[in-house]
mmCIF file of all heavy atoms, coordinates in Angstrom:
data_MODEL
# 
_entry.id   MODEL 
# 
loop_
_atom_site.group_PDB 
_atom_site.id 
_atom_site.type_symbol 
_atom_site.label_atom_id 
_atom_site.label_alt_id 
_atom_site.label_comp_id 
_atom_site.label_asym_id 
_atom_site.label_entity_id 
_atom_site.label_seq_id 
_atom_site.pdbx_PDB_ins_code 
_atom_site.Cartn_x 
_atom_site.Cartn_y 
_atom_site.Cartn_z 
_atom_site.occupancy 
_atom_site.B_iso_or_equiv 
_atom_site.pdbx_formal_charge 
_atom_site.auth_seq_id 
_atom_site.auth_comp_id 
_atom_site.auth_asym_id 
_atom_site.auth_atom_id 
_atom_site.pdbx_PDB_model_num 
ATOM 1   N N   . ALA A 1 1  ? -18.366 -7.370  27.563 1.00 0.00 ? 1  ALA A N   1 
ATOM 2   C CA  . ALA A 1 1  ? -18.320 -7.553  26.107 1.00 0.00 ? 1  ALA A CA  1 
ATOM 3   C C   . ALA A 1 1  ? -16.983 -7.040  25.601 1.00 0.00 ? 1  ALA A C   1 
ATOM 4   O O   . ALA A 1 1  ? -16.575 -5.918  25.928 1.00 0.00 ? 1  ALA A O   1 
ATOM 5   C CB  . ALA A 1 1  ? -19.462 -6.804  25.435 1.00 0.00 ? 1  ALA A CB  1 
ATOM 6   N N   . ASP A 1 2  ? -16.300 -7.848  24.816 1.00 0.00 ? 2  ASP A N   1 
ATOM 7   C CA  . ASP A 1 2  ? -14.985 -7.456  24.310 1.00 0.00 ? 2  ASP A CA  1 
ATOM 8   C C   . ASP A 1 2  ? -15.086 -6.419  23.201 1.00 0.00 ? 2  ASP A C   1 
ATOM 9   O O   . ASP A 1 2  ? -14.241 -5.529  23.091 1.00 0.00 ? 2  ASP A O   1 
ATOM 10  C CB  . ASP A 1 2  ? -14.247 -8.688  23.790 1.00 0.00 ? 2  ASP A CB  1 
ATOM 11  C CG  . ASP A 1 2  ? -14.034 -9.718  24.879 1.00 0.00 ? 2  ASP A CG  1 
ATOM 12  O OD1 . ASP A 1 2  ? -13.265 -9.426  25.813 1.00 0.00 ? 2  ASP A OD1 1 
ATOM 13  O OD2 . ASP A 1 2  ? -14.637 -10.802 24.806 1.00 0.00 ? 2  ASP A OD2 1 
ATOM 14  N N   . PHE A 1 3  ? -16.111 -6.532  22.365 1.00 0.00 ? 3  PHE A N   1 
ATOM 15  C CA  . PHE A 1 3  ? -16.194 -5.698  21.175 1.00 0.00 ? 3  PHE A CA  1 
ATOM 16  C C   . PHE A 1 3  ? -17.664 -5.443  20.851 1.00 0.00 ? 3  PHE A C   1 
ATOM 17  O O   . PHE A 1 3  ? -18.460 -6.381  20.740 1.00 0.00 ? 3  PHE A O   1 
ATOM 18  C CB  . PHE A 1 3  ? -15.514 -6.435  20.001 1.00 0.00 ? 3  PHE A CB  1 
ATOM 19  C CG  . PHE A 1 3  ? -15.273 -5.617  18.766 1.00 0.00 ? 3  PHE A CG  1 
ATOM 20  C CD1 . PHE A 1 3  ? -15.255 -4.232  18.795 1.00 0.00 ? 3  PHE A CD1 1 
ATOM 21  C CD2 . PHE A 1 3  ? -15.044 -6.256  17.554 1.00 0.00 ? 3  PHE A CD2 1 
ATOM 22  C CE1 . PHE A 1 3  ? -15.008 -3.499  17.646 1.00 0.00 ? 3  PHE A CE1 1 
ATOM 23  C CE2 . PHE A 1 3  ? -14.783 -5.535  16.396 1.00 0.00 ? 3  PHE A CE2 1 
ATOM 24  C CZ  . PHE A 1 3  ? -14.775 -4.144  16.446 1.00 0.00 ? 3  PHE A CZ  1 
ATOM 25  N N   . ILE A 1 4  ? -18.032 -4.182  20.728 1.00 0.00 ? 4  ILE A N   1 
ATOM 26  C CA  . ILE A 1 4  ? -19.381 -3.794  20.313 1.00 0.00 ? 4  ILE A CA  1 
ATOM 27  C C   . ILE A 1 4  ? -19.261 -2.913  19.078 1.00 0.00 ? 4  ILE A C   1 
ATOM 28  O O   . ILE A 1 4  ? -18.418 -2.020  19.025 1.00 0.00 ? 4  ILE A O   1 
ATOM 29  C CB  . ILE A 1 4  ? -20.130 -3.038  21.431 1.00 0.00 ? 4  ILE A CB  1 
ATOM 30  C CG1 . ILE A 1 4  ? -20.348 -3.950  22.631 1.00 0.00 ? 4  ILE A CG1 1 
ATOM 31  C CG2 . ILE A 1 4  ? -21.465 -2.508  20.921 1.00 0.00 ? 4  ILE A CG2 1 
ATOM 32  C CD1 . ILE A 1 4  ? -21.033 -3.263  23.805 1.00 0.00 ? 4  ILE A CD1 1 
ATOM 33  N N   . LYS A 1 5  ? -20.107 -3.185  18.100 1.00 0.00 ? 5  LYS A N   1 
ATOM 34  C CA  . LYS A 1 5  ? -20.159 -2.348  16.896 1.00 0.00 ? 5  LYS A CA  1 
ATOM 35  C C   . LYS A 1 5  ? -21.551 -1.754  16.748 1.00 0.00 ? 5  LYS A C   1 
ATOM 36  O O   . LYS A 1 5  ? -22.548 -2.468  16.859 1.00 0.00 ? 5  LYS A O   1 
ATOM 37  C CB  . LYS A 1 5  ? -19.805 -3.169  15.660 1.00 0.00 ? 5  LYS A CB  1 
ATOM 38  C CG  . LYS A 1 5  ? -19.786 -2.364  14.347 1.00 0.00 ? 5  LYS A CG  1 
ATOM 39  C CD  . LYS A 1 5  ? -21.157 -2.310  13.668 1.00 0.00 ? 5  LYS A CD  1 
ATOM 40  C CE  . LYS A 1 5  ? -21.422 -3.542  12.850 1.00 0.00 ? 5  LYS A CE  1 
ATOM 41  N NZ  . LYS A 1 5  ? -22.787 -3.488  12.183 1.00 0.00 ? 5  LYS A NZ  1 
ATOM 42  N N   . SER A 1 6  ? -21.619 -0.460  16.485 1.00 0.00 ? 6  SER A N   1 
ATOM 43  C CA  . SER A 1 6  ? -22.893 0.206   16.227 1.00 0.00 ? 6  SER A CA  1 
ATOM 44  C C   . SER A 1 6  ? -22.847 0.842   14.844 1.00 0.00 ? 6  SER A C   1 
ATOM 45  O O   . SER A 1 6  ? -21.967 1.646   14.549 1.00 0.00 ? 6  SER A O   1 
ATOM 46  C CB  . SER A 1 6  ? -23.163 1.284   17.288 1.00 0.00 ? 6  SER A CB  1 
ATOM 47  O OG  . SER A 1 6  ? -24.301 2.051   16.943 1.00 0.00 ? 6  SER A OG  1 
ATOM 48  N N   . ASP A 1 7  ? -23.821 0.475   14.005 1.00 0.00 ? 7  ASP A N   1 
ATOM 49  C CA  . ASP A 1 7  ? -23.978 1.059   12.674 1.00 0.00 ? 7  ASP A CA  1 
ATOM 50  C C   . ASP A 1 7  ? -25.468 1.254   12.456 1.00 0.00 ? 7  ASP A C   1 
ATOM 51  O O   . ASP A 1 7  ? -26.149 0.420   11.874 1.00 0.00 ? 7  ASP A O   1 
ATOM 52  C CB  . ASP A 1 7  ? -23.374 0.121   11.617 1.00 0.00 ? 7  ASP A CB  1 
ATOM 53  C CG  . ASP A 1 7  ? -23.516 0.671   10.203 1.00 0.00 ? 7  ASP A CG  1 
ATOM 54  O OD1 . ASP A 1 7  ? -24.126 1.746   10.032 1.00 0.00 ? 7  ASP A OD1 1 
ATOM 55  O OD2 . ASP A 1 7  ? -23.019 0.022   9.266  1.00 0.00 ? 7  ASP A OD2 1 
ATOM 56  N N   . VAL A 1 8  ? -25.986 2.378   12.963 1.00 0.00 ? 8  VAL A N   1 
ATOM 57  C CA  . VAL A 1 8  ? -27.433 2.587   12.988 1.00 0.00 ? 8  VAL A CA  1 
ATOM 58  C C   . VAL A 1 8  ? -27.828 3.904   12.319 1.00 0.00 ? 8  VAL A C   1 
ATOM 59  O O   . VAL A 1 8  ? -28.801 4.552   12.707 1.00 0.00 ? 8  VAL A O   1 
ATOM 60  C CB  . VAL A 1 8  ? -27.983 2.498   14.428 1.00 0.00 ? 8  VAL A CB  1 
ATOM 61  C CG1 . VAL A 1 8  ? -27.927 1.062   14.928 1.00 0.00 ? 8  VAL A CG1 1 
ATOM 62  C CG2 . VAL A 1 8  ? -27.227 3.411   15.379 1.00 0.00 ? 8  VAL A CG2 1 
ATOM 63  N N   . GLU A 1 9  ? -27.063 4.307   11.329 1.00 0.00 ? 9  GLU A N   1 
ATOM 64  C CA  . GLU A 1 9  ? -27.428 5.423   10.454 1.00 0.00 ? 9  GLU A CA  1 
ATOM 65  C C   . GLU A 1 9  ? -27.760 6.706   11.207 1.00 0.00 ? 9  GLU A C   1 
ATOM 66  O O   . GLU A 1 9  ? -28.818 7.290   11.050 1.00 0.00 ? 9  GLU A O   1 
ATOM 67  C CB  . GLU A 1 9  ? -28.603 5.006   9.565  1.00 0.00 ? 9  GLU A CB  1 
ATOM 68  C CG  . GLU A 1 9  ? -28.361 3.754   8.753  1.00 0.00 ? 9  GLU A CG  1 
ATOM 69  C CD  . GLU A 1 9  ? -27.126 3.865   7.869  1.00 0.00 ? 9  GLU A CD  1 
ATOM 70  O OE1 . GLU A 1 9  ? -26.953 4.891   7.217  1.00 0.00 ? 9  GLU A OE1 1 
ATOM 71  O OE2 . GLU A 1 9  ? -26.321 2.900   7.867  1.00 0.00 ? 9  GLU A OE2 1 
ATOM 72  N N   . GLY A 1 10 ? -26.829 7.141   12.046 1.00 0.00 ? 10 GLY A N   1 
ATOM 73  C CA  . GLY A 1 10 ? -26.962 8.431   12.710 1.00 0.00 ? 10 GLY A CA  1 
ATOM 74  C C   . GLY A 1 10 ? -27.482 8.384   14.128 1.00 0.00 ? 10 GLY A C   1 
ATOM 75  O O   . GLY A 1 10 ? -27.462 9.403   14.823 1.00 0.00 ? 10 GLY A O   1 
ATOM 76  N N   . PHE A 1 11 ? -27.944 7.225   14.588 1.00 0.00 ? 11 PHE A N   1 
ATOM 77  C CA  . PHE A 1 11 ? -28.487 7.100   15.944 1.00 0.00 ? 11 PHE A CA  1 
ATOM 78  C C   . PHE A 1 11 ? -27.467 6.482   16.905 1.00 0.00 ? 11 PHE A C   1 
ATOM 79  O O   . PHE A 1 11 ? -27.820 6.026   17.987 1.00 0.00 ? 11 PHE A O   1 
ATOM 80  C CB  . PHE A 1 11 ? -29.763 6.260   15.922 1.00 0.00 ? 11 PHE A CB  1 
ATOM 81  C CG  . PHE A 1 11 ? -30.939 6.972   15.307 1.00 0.00 ? 11 PHE A CG  1 
ATOM 82  C CD1 . PHE A 1 11 ? -31.080 7.044   13.937 1.00 0.00 ? 11 PHE A CD1 1 
ATOM 83  C CD2 . PHE A 1 11 ? -31.892 7.598   16.104 1.00 0.00 ? 11 PHE A CD2 1 
ATOM 84  C CE1 . PHE A 1 11 ? -32.147 7.713   13.355 1.00 0.00 ? 11 PHE A CE1 1 
ATOM 85  C CE2 . PHE A 1 11 ? -32.969 8.257   15.545 1.00 0.00 ? 11 PHE A CE2 1 
ATOM 86  C CZ  . PHE A 1 11 ? -33.099 8.319   14.161 1.00 0.00 ? 11 PHE A CZ  1 
ATOM 87  N N   . ASP A 1 12 ? -26.204 6.469   16.501 1.00 0.00 ? 12 ASP A N   1 
ATOM 88  C CA  . ASP A 1 12 ? -25.162 5.805   17.291 1.00 0.00 ? 12 ASP A CA  1 
ATOM 89  C C   . ASP A 1 12 ? -24.934 6.472   18.642 1.00 0.00 ? 12 ASP A C   1 
ATOM 90  O O   . ASP A 1 12 ? -24.610 5.795   19.620 1.00 0.00 ? 12 ASP A O   1 
ATOM 91  C CB  . ASP A 1 12 ? -23.855 5.778   16.492 1.00 0.00 ? 12 ASP A CB  1 
ATOM 92  C CG  . ASP A 1 12 ? -24.056 5.159   15.124 1.00 0.00 ? 12 ASP A CG  1 
ATOM 93  O OD1 . ASP A 1 12 ? -24.431 5.892   14.195 1.00 0.00 ? 12 ASP A OD1 1 
ATOM 94  O OD2 . ASP A 1 12 ? -23.858 3.943   14.985 1.00 0.00 ? 12 ASP A OD2 1 
ATOM 95  N N   . LEU A 1 13 ? -25.090 7.792   18.705 1.00 0.00 ? 13 LEU A N   1 
ATOM 96  C CA  . LEU A 1 13 ? -24.897 8.475   19.990 1.00 0.00 ? 13 LEU A CA  1 
ATOM 97  C C   . LEU A 1 13 ? -25.919 7.992   21.005 1.00 0.00 ? 13 LEU A C   1 
ATOM 98  O O   . LEU A 1 13 ? -25.605 7.832   22.190 1.00 0.00 ? 13 LEU A O   1 
ATOM 99  C CB  . LEU A 1 13 ? -25.004 9.990   19.797 1.00 0.00 ? 13 LEU A CB  1 
ATOM 100 C CG  . LEU A 1 13 ? -24.823 10.842  21.051 1.00 0.00 ? 13 LEU A CG  1 
ATOM 101 C CD1 . LEU A 1 13 ? -23.439 10.634  21.656 1.00 0.00 ? 13 LEU A CD1 1 
ATOM 102 C CD2 . LEU A 1 13 ? -25.035 12.324  20.726 1.00 0.00 ? 13 LEU A CD2 1 
ATOM 103 N N   . SER A 1 14 ? -27.140 7.719   20.546 1.00 0.00 ? 14 SER A N   1 
ATOM 104 C CA  . SER A 1 14 ? -28.169 7.185   21.433 1.00 0.00 ? 14 SER A CA  1 
ATOM 105 C C   . SER A 1 14 ? -27.777 5.808   21.959 1.00 0.00 ? 14 SER A C   1 
ATOM 106 O O   . SER A 1 14 ? -27.982 5.496   23.137 1.00 0.00 ? 14 SER A O   1 
ATOM 107 C CB  . SER A 1 14 ? -29.503 7.112   20.682 1.00 0.00 ? 14 SER A CB  1 
ATOM 108 O OG  . SER A 1 14 ? -30.521 6.585   21.511 1.00 0.00 ? 14 SER A OG  1 
ATOM 109 N N   . VAL A 1 15 ? -27.200 4.968   21.098 1.00 0.00 ? 15 VAL A N   1 
ATOM 110 C CA  . VAL A 1 15 ? -26.731 3.648   21.528 1.00 0.00 ? 15 VAL A CA  1 
ATOM 111 C C   . VAL A 1 15 ? -25.646 3.808   22.594 1.00 0.00 ? 15 VAL A C   1 
ATOM 112 O O   . VAL A 1 15 ? -25.647 3.107   23.618 1.00 0.00 ? 15 VAL A O   1 
ATOM 113 C CB  . VAL A 1 15 ? -26.195 2.848   20.329 1.00 0.00 ? 15 VAL A CB  1 
ATOM 114 C CG1 . VAL A 1 15 ? -25.681 1.481   20.781 1.00 0.00 ? 15 VAL A CG1 1 
ATOM 115 C CG2 . VAL A 1 15 ? -27.277 2.672   19.264 1.00 0.00 ? 15 VAL A CG2 1 
ATOM 116 N N   . LEU A 1 16 ? -24.735 4.728   22.359 1.00 0.00 ? 16 LEU A N   1 
ATOM 117 C CA  . LEU A 1 16 ? -23.655 4.974   23.323 1.00 0.00 ? 16 LEU A CA  1 
ATOM 118 C C   . LEU A 1 16 ? -24.204 5.445   24.663 1.00 0.00 ? 16 LEU A C   1 
ATOM 119 O O   . LEU A 1 16 ? -23.743 5.003   25.724 1.00 0.00 ? 16 LEU A O   1 
ATOM 120 C CB  . LEU A 1 16 ? -22.697 6.024   22.763 1.00 0.00 ? 16 LEU A CB  1 
ATOM 121 C CG  . LEU A 1 16 ? -21.614 5.529   21.809 1.00 0.00 ? 16 LEU A CG  1 
ATOM 122 C CD1 . LEU A 1 16 ? -20.996 6.704   21.045 1.00 0.00 ? 16 LEU A CD1 1 
ATOM 123 C CD2 . LEU A 1 16 ? -20.533 4.770   22.570 1.00 0.00 ? 16 LEU A CD2 1 
ATOM 124 N N   . ARG A 1 17 ? -25.166 6.330   24.623 1.00 0.00 ? 17 ARG A N   1 
ATOM 125 C CA  . ARG A 1 17 ? -25.730 6.849   25.875 1.00 0.00 ? 17 ARG A CA  1 
ATOM 126 C C   . ARG A 1 17 ? -26.400 5.740   26.685 1.00 0.00 ? 17 ARG A C   1 
ATOM 127 O O   . ARG A 1 17 ? -26.373 5.756   27.911 1.00 0.00 ? 17 ARG A O   1 
ATOM 128 C CB  . ARG A 1 17 ? -26.713 7.975   25.566 1.00 0.00 ? 17 ARG A CB  1 
ATOM 129 C CG  . ARG A 1 17 ? -26.012 9.275   25.176 1.00 0.00 ? 17 ARG A CG  1 
ATOM 130 C CD  . ARG A 1 17 ? -26.988 10.339  24.719 1.00 0.00 ? 17 ARG A CD  1 
ATOM 131 N NE  . ARG A 1 17 ? -26.308 11.632  24.563 1.00 0.00 ? 17 ARG A NE  1 
ATOM 132 C CZ  . ARG A 1 17 ? -26.758 12.635  23.819 1.00 0.00 ? 17 ARG A CZ  1 
ATOM 133 N NH1 . ARG A 1 17 ? -27.894 12.488  23.134 1.00 0.00 ? 17 ARG A NH1 1 
ATOM 134 N NH2 . ARG A 1 17 ? -26.077 13.760  23.739 1.00 0.00 ? 17 ARG A NH2 1 
ATOM 135 N N   . GLY A 1 18 ? -26.968 4.778   25.988 1.00 0.00 ? 18 GLY A N   1 
ATOM 136 C CA  . GLY A 1 18 ? -27.566 3.652   26.692 1.00 0.00 ? 18 GLY A CA  1 
ATOM 137 C C   . GLY A 1 18 ? -26.552 2.695   27.275 1.00 0.00 ? 18 GLY A C   1 
ATOM 138 O O   . GLY A 1 18 ? -26.908 1.789   28.037 1.00 0.00 ? 18 GLY A O   1 
ATOM 139 N N   . ALA A 1 19 ? -25.287 2.900   26.923 1.00 0.00 ? 19 ALA A N   1 
ATOM 140 C CA  . ALA A 1 19 ? -24.212 2.026   27.428 1.00 0.00 ? 19 ALA A CA  1 
ATOM 141 C C   . ALA A 1 19 ? -23.351 2.703   28.486 1.00 0.00 ? 19 ALA A C   1 
ATOM 142 O O   . ALA A 1 19 ? -22.391 2.089   28.977 1.00 0.00 ? 19 ALA A O   1 
ATOM 143 C CB  . ALA A 1 19 ? -23.322 1.585   26.268 1.00 0.00 ? 19 ALA A CB  1 
ATOM 144 N N   . VAL A 1 20 ? -23.656 3.935   28.859 1.00 0.00 ? 20 VAL A N   1 
ATOM 145 C CA  . VAL A 1 20 ? -22.813 4.678   29.801 1.00 0.00 ? 20 VAL A CA  1 
ATOM 146 C C   . VAL A 1 20 ? -22.597 3.926   31.119 1.00 0.00 ? 20 VAL A C   1 
ATOM 147 O O   . VAL A 1 20 ? -21.464 3.868   31.621 1.00 0.00 ? 20 VAL A O   1 
ATOM 148 C CB  . VAL A 1 20 ? -23.383 6.094   30.049 1.00 0.00 ? 20 VAL A CB  1 
ATOM 149 C CG1 . VAL A 1 20 ? -22.716 6.740   31.260 1.00 0.00 ? 20 VAL A CG1 1 
ATOM 150 C CG2 . VAL A 1 20 ? -23.172 6.963   28.816 1.00 0.00 ? 20 VAL A CG2 1 
ATOM 151 N N   . PRO A 1 21 ? -23.638 3.331   31.723 1.00 0.00 ? 21 PRO A N   1 
ATOM 152 C CA  . PRO A 1 21 ? -23.383 2.586   32.970 1.00 0.00 ? 21 PRO A CA  1 
ATOM 153 C C   . PRO A 1 21 ? -22.377 1.452   32.781 1.00 0.00 ? 21 PRO A C   1 
ATOM 154 O O   . PRO A 1 21 ? -21.568 1.178   33.670 1.00 0.00 ? 21 PRO A O   1 
ATOM 155 C CB  . PRO A 1 21 ? -24.773 2.039   33.348 1.00 0.00 ? 21 PRO A CB  1 
ATOM 156 C CG  . PRO A 1 21 ? -25.737 2.934   32.657 1.00 0.00 ? 21 PRO A CG  1 
ATOM 157 C CD  . PRO A 1 21 ? -25.079 3.327   31.375 1.00 0.00 ? 21 PRO A CD  1 
ATOM 158 N N   . LEU A 1 22 ? -22.400 0.819   31.624 1.00 0.00 ? 22 LEU A N   1 
ATOM 159 C CA  . LEU A 1 22 ? -21.460 -0.272  31.342 1.00 0.00 ? 22 LEU A CA  1 
ATOM 160 C C   . LEU A 1 22 ? -20.051 0.264   31.144 1.00 0.00 ? 22 LEU A C   1 
ATOM 161 O O   . LEU A 1 22 ? -19.072 -0.326  31.613 1.00 0.00 ? 22 LEU A O   1 
ATOM 162 C CB  . LEU A 1 22 ? -21.903 -1.023  30.085 1.00 0.00 ? 22 LEU A CB  1 
ATOM 163 C CG  . LEU A 1 22 ? -23.328 -1.569  30.092 1.00 0.00 ? 22 LEU A CG  1 
ATOM 164 C CD1 . LEU A 1 22 ? -23.700 -2.102  28.713 1.00 0.00 ? 22 LEU A CD1 1 
ATOM 165 C CD2 . LEU A 1 22 ? -23.485 -2.658  31.149 1.00 0.00 ? 22 LEU A CD2 1 
ATOM 166 N N   . LEU A 1 23 ? -19.944 1.379   30.438 1.00 0.00 ? 23 LEU A N   1 
ATOM 167 C CA  . LEU A 1 23 ? -18.635 2.003   30.235 1.00 0.00 ? 23 LEU A CA  1 
ATOM 168 C C   . LEU A 1 23 ? -18.034 2.443   31.565 1.00 0.00 ? 23 LEU A C   1 
ATOM 169 O O   . LEU A 1 23 ? -16.831 2.282   31.801 1.00 0.00 ? 23 LEU A O   1 
ATOM 170 C CB  . LEU A 1 23 ? -18.769 3.201   29.290 1.00 0.00 ? 23 LEU A CB  1 
ATOM 171 C CG  . LEU A 1 23 ? -19.201 2.880   27.849 1.00 0.00 ? 23 LEU A CG  1 
ATOM 172 C CD1 . LEU A 1 23 ? -19.584 4.153   27.119 1.00 0.00 ? 23 LEU A CD1 1 
ATOM 173 C CD2 . LEU A 1 23 ? -18.087 2.143   27.103 1.00 0.00 ? 23 LEU A CD2 1 
ATOM 174 N N   . ALA A 1 24 ? -18.863 2.999   32.423 1.00 0.00 ? 24 ALA A N   1 
ATOM 175 C CA  . ALA A 1 24 ? -18.377 3.458   33.724 1.00 0.00 ? 24 ALA A CA  1 
ATOM 176 C C   . ALA A 1 24 ? -17.838 2.294   34.552 1.00 0.00 ? 24 ALA A C   1 
ATOM 177 O O   . ALA A 1 24 ? -16.919 2.470   35.364 1.00 0.00 ? 24 ALA A O   1 
ATOM 178 C CB  . ALA A 1 24 ? -19.498 4.175   34.474 1.00 0.00 ? 24 ALA A CB  1 
ATOM 179 N N   . GLU A 1 25 ? -18.386 1.099   34.338 1.00 0.00 ? 25 GLU A N   1 
ATOM 180 C CA  . GLU A 1 25 ? -17.954 -0.084  35.077 1.00 0.00 ? 25 GLU A CA  1 
ATOM 181 C C   . GLU A 1 25 ? -16.904 -0.894  34.313 1.00 0.00 ? 25 GLU A C   1 
ATOM 182 O O   . GLU A 1 25 ? -16.579 -2.015  34.706 1.00 0.00 ? 25 GLU A O   1 
ATOM 183 C CB  . GLU A 1 25 ? -19.161 -0.975  35.386 1.00 0.00 ? 25 GLU A CB  1 
ATOM 184 C CG  . GLU A 1 25 ? -20.169 -0.310  36.321 1.00 0.00 ? 25 GLU A CG  1 
ATOM 185 C CD  . GLU A 1 25 ? -21.436 -1.139  36.493 1.00 0.00 ? 25 GLU A CD  1 
ATOM 186 O OE1 . GLU A 1 25 ? -21.544 -2.195  35.817 1.00 0.00 ? 25 GLU A OE1 1 
ATOM 187 O OE2 . GLU A 1 25 ? -22.290 -0.738  37.288 1.00 0.00 ? 25 GLU A OE2 1 
ATOM 188 N N   . ARG A 1 26 ? -16.408 -0.334  33.190 1.00 0.00 ? 26 ARG A N   1 
ATOM 189 C CA  . ARG A 1 26 ? -15.352 -0.964  32.390 1.00 0.00 ? 26 ARG A CA  1 
ATOM 190 C C   . ARG A 1 26 ? -15.789 -2.315  31.831 1.00 0.00 ? 26 ARG A C   1 
ATOM 191 O O   . ARG A 1 26 ? -14.969 -3.213  31.621 1.00 0.00 ? 26 ARG A O   1 
ATOM 192 C CB  . ARG A 1 26 ? -14.078 -1.139  33.222 1.00 0.00 ? 26 ARG A CB  1 
ATOM 193 C CG  . ARG A 1 26 ? -13.543 0.131   33.842 1.00 0.00 ? 26 ARG A CG  1 
ATOM 194 C CD  . ARG A 1 26 ? -12.369 -0.151  34.788 1.00 0.00 ? 26 ARG A CD  1 
ATOM 195 N NE  . ARG A 1 26 ? -11.286 -0.809  34.089 1.00 0.00 ? 26 ARG A NE  1 
ATOM 196 C CZ  . ARG A 1 26 ? -10.303 -0.168  33.435 1.00 0.00 ? 26 ARG A CZ  1 
ATOM 197 N NH1 . ARG A 1 26 ? -10.286 1.143   33.417 1.00 0.00 ? 26 ARG A NH1 1 
ATOM 198 N NH2 . ARG A 1 26 ? -9.349  -0.845  32.818 1.00 0.00 ? 26 ARG A NH2 1 
ATOM 199 N N   . ARG A 1 27 ? -17.064 -2.463  31.509 1.00 0.00 ? 27 ARG A N   1 
ATOM 200 C CA  . ARG A 1 27 ? -17.599 -3.744  31.070 1.00 0.00 ? 27 ARG A CA  1 
ATOM 201 C C   . ARG A 1 27 ? -17.613 -3.891  29.547 1.00 0.00 ? 27 ARG A C   1 
ATOM 202 O O   . ARG A 1 27 ? -18.129 -4.865  29.025 1.00 0.00 ? 27 ARG A O   1 
ATOM 203 C CB  . ARG A 1 27 ? -19.001 -3.946  31.648 1.00 0.00 ? 27 ARG A CB  1 
ATOM 204 C CG  . ARG A 1 27 ? -19.007 -4.034  33.170 1.00 0.00 ? 27 ARG A CG  1 
ATOM 205 C CD  . ARG A 1 27 ? -20.408 -4.136  33.722 1.00 0.00 ? 27 ARG A CD  1 
ATOM 206 N NE  . ARG A 1 27 ? -21.051 -5.378  33.332 1.00 0.00 ? 27 ARG A NE  1 
ATOM 207 C CZ  . ARG A 1 27 ? -22.336 -5.649  33.604 1.00 0.00 ? 27 ARG A CZ  1 
ATOM 208 N NH1 . ARG A 1 27 ? -23.075 -4.751  34.259 1.00 0.00 ? 27 ARG A NH1 1 
ATOM 209 N NH2 . ARG A 1 27 ? -22.863 -6.800  33.217 1.00 0.00 ? 27 ARG A NH2 1 
ATOM 210 N N   . ILE A 1 28 ? -17.036 -2.923  28.853 1.00 0.00 ? 28 ILE A N   1 
ATOM 211 C CA  . ILE A 1 28 ? -16.909 -2.976  27.399 1.00 0.00 ? 28 ILE A CA  1 
ATOM 212 C C   . ILE A 1 28 ? -15.445 -2.736  27.051 1.00 0.00 ? 28 ILE A C   1 
ATOM 213 O O   . ILE A 1 28 ? -14.832 -1.795  27.553 1.00 0.00 ? 28 ILE A O   1 
ATOM 214 C CB  . ILE A 1 28 ? -17.793 -1.918  26.717 1.00 0.00 ? 28 ILE A CB  1 
ATOM 215 C CG1 . ILE A 1 28 ? -19.279 -2.188  27.019 1.00 0.00 ? 28 ILE A CG1 1 
ATOM 216 C CG2 . ILE A 1 28 ? -17.549 -1.888  25.210 1.00 0.00 ? 28 ILE A CG2 1 
ATOM 217 C CD1 . ILE A 1 28 ? -20.211 -1.080  26.564 1.00 0.00 ? 28 ILE A CD1 1 
ATOM 218 N N   . GLY A 1 29 ? -14.883 -3.598  26.194 1.00 0.00 ? 29 GLY A N   1 
ATOM 219 C CA  . GLY A 1 29 ? -13.494 -3.413  25.780 1.00 0.00 ? 29 GLY A CA  1 
ATOM 220 C C   . GLY A 1 29 ? -13.370 -2.339  24.724 1.00 0.00 ? 29 GLY A C   1 
ATOM 221 O O   . GLY A 1 29 ? -12.781 -1.280  24.957 1.00 0.00 ? 29 GLY A O   1 
ATOM 222 N N   . LEU A 1 30 ? -13.962 -2.583  23.553 1.00 0.00 ? 30 LEU A N   1 
ATOM 223 C CA  . LEU A 1 30 ? -13.964 -1.623  22.450 1.00 0.00 ? 30 LEU A CA  1 
ATOM 224 C C   . LEU A 1 30 ? -15.393 -1.382  22.004 1.00 0.00 ? 30 LEU A C   1 
ATOM 225 O O   . LEU A 1 30 ? -16.198 -2.320  21.934 1.00 0.00 ? 30 LEU A O   1 
ATOM 226 C CB  . LEU A 1 30 ? -13.174 -2.159  21.251 1.00 0.00 ? 30 LEU A CB  1 
ATOM 227 C CG  . LEU A 1 30 ? -11.653 -2.075  21.262 1.00 0.00 ? 30 LEU A CG  1 
ATOM 228 C CD1 . LEU A 1 30 ? -11.071 -3.112  22.203 1.00 0.00 ? 30 LEU A CD1 1 
ATOM 229 C CD2 . LEU A 1 30 ? -11.110 -2.299  19.857 1.00 0.00 ? 30 LEU A CD2 1 
# 
């Protein structure tokens, strides 16, 4: 994914934590 946006009223850290495997594999641009 080239670009992901999270706007979930304070729960954004949870969204990020669910993406850690993808980040580790460089599968997200921004």
